Every structure is written in C-alpha cells, then in structure tokens.
C-alpha cells in the first residue's frame, strides 16, 4: 500500500527569501550594475517602508545612475518622496541629475526633474540648476524653449526671479551660434559689459567658432586680437577656431599670422588638433616646405601624430605627386602601431597608379586586404 498522504498543514512552506536590511544596503553599495543596485533599493523600500537608507548611499547611487544609466534616474527620483524621512540634498545633487539628462539629450526629463526638485531632492533651484536646464534644452536643439526659459528668469516664471550669470549667457550664445543667428549673438555679446558681466575664454571661443562657421573670419580675428586688452588670455581652442576658419576661406596669410601669434603666446601652445589644422591647410595649398617645419615643431614638442595627422600628410603628398614621401609616412605610421583606414589606402593606391607605379599600388591593395580595417 502507498504511504498515507501528509496533511496539507505539514507540507513544506516556501521561506521568505528577502535579505535583511544590512544585506540589501551592502548590495546597493557594491553591486557593479547600478540598475541592479536600484532594484535592491526598490526592494528595500517596499519591504521596510519605515526604514530610510543613509543619504550618502542614496547620493552614491544617484551619481552612478547619472554616469551610466540616466534613463533610470526618474525611477530613483520617484522613489525618494516615498521615504519616511525625505532626504535633503544640496543643489549639487540637482546638478548631477540635470547634467546627466542634458548629456543624454533628455530635455523633458530634465524639465520634469527641475519642476520637482524640492519634492525629489529637498532643494530649491539656484542659478546653477537653471543653467543646467537651459543647457539641456540647447543641447537637444530646443531653441525656442531655451529662449522662453531664458526670458522667464527675469520675471520669475518658475517661482522666483533670478539673475543670469556668465554661464547663462555663454549657453545662450552657444544656442544662437548653433542656429546661425550671429547678429543676435554679437548684439548679446556687446551688451554683456553693460550688464556688468565680463566675457571669458568660453564666451570668446564660442562666438569665434560661430563666426568662422559663417565665414566671418575678420570678425573672429578682431575678437582674438581684442581679448588681451580685456585681460582675457586666448587658449588653444580660440586659436584653433580662427586657424580653421582662415584656411577654410582660403586666407592662408591670415592663418600664418594667427599661427605665429600662437607660437609666440606664452599663455597658450599648439595641441594635436592645432597641428592637424595647420598640416591640412598647408597640404591643400601645396606648401610642403612649411608642412615640414610644422611637422618638425610638432615632433620637437612631443606630440605624436594620430590617424588624422598621418592621413592628412598621405593624402596631401599623394595629391602633389610625392608618392615616395607618402610611403615613408605610411611606414612611420605602421611603426607607431596605427592601423591605416581605407581612405589612406585608397589615397596610396590612387597616387601610385597615377605615378605609373602599378606594381607598388597592388602591394598597398594587398596590405589593405591583410591589415586593413
């Protein structure tokens, strides 16, 4: 006979597998996946609603999500008001959140968080938070919304009036330059000192970059020359913007003047991007003597060329008919461990074919098949 069945009340019951509070806190802190850490926090809050996790732990998770998973930040923000003792963060926490949404091109999430900063984080938005939201709108190219938000600062549409600062104006200048509205950008720039705001390098480099994109190189040169008189030190970004604009417009003599000004400037020095701009502009003009001088200066100042640098030289030398020079650059490129892309191989193959050296062109074809990307 089969053994009698056990009564129902004697059947083994599943045990509660919820980890204790201290274990969940450790998981929130140490789980390598911030999304999983957030799930642990949600479990902790739902299981022990009377317990409030330590504020430093919440801020740690906030920063991790902001860095690697901003789309999950709204889940965390929505969880914070449910805590029995709501945390009260400084505005720095708001900047972490709003900047993350800005980088991720999530302006609607940024606006939603901005409107409820007091409920979510226990802090009120200052000028830095306003600037972070403005930046989110500009990065997402929501220019009309950015203009409306900027206008609202002076009449307190979001709760209180707040005075724009230099960063605010720099963001608006970037917005105007991005949409090509240079006349409004210049008008705003000219008004800054009347408003008691002194432009900085970011202000100048933003405006100069916008001007050269619209082929207004002379305006950009004027600003570059103006900077020292207002005790603003031009940096490499400023010089690079104007150099690129000069070459783009075919104004090589102006480019060389800017280059000489840069190498004499004790407050700035060429970087790899500068050398690439110079080498590209000079190669296109066929001024290979000056190309060699710029290259020697680059090497002497311990700047190692990248893929762009070597590609510029190879393309320029092949176009000029100096395929042996291009081949030497290719060899040096291989020695540094760089892997040429298809555009570089195409230049070499075309250059050697046009020089009537088809056998060597086929060698580069074979190299591309073996080593190419």
Foldseek 3Di string as FASTA:
>chain_A
DDDDDDPPVPPDDDDDPLDDPVVLLVCLQPVPDLVVSLVSVVVNCVVCVQDDDDPVSLLVSLLVCLVPPLVCNVVSLVCQLSHPDRAADECVSLLSNLQSLLVVLNLVVLVVCLLCVCSRHVYHDALSSLLSSLSSCLSNLVLVVSVVSLVCQCVVPSNDHHDHAQSSLLSNLLSCLVVLVLVVSVVSVVCQVVVVHDHEQSSLLSSLLSCLVVLNLVVLVVSVVCQVVSPHDHEQSSLLSSLLSCLVVVNVVVNVVSVVVQCPRPVYHHAQSSLLSVLLSCLVVVVVVVNVVSVVVCVVVPHDHDQSNLQSVLLSCLVVLNLVSNVVSVVVCVVVVHQHEPSSLVSSLVSCVVVVNNVVSVVSVVCCVVGYD
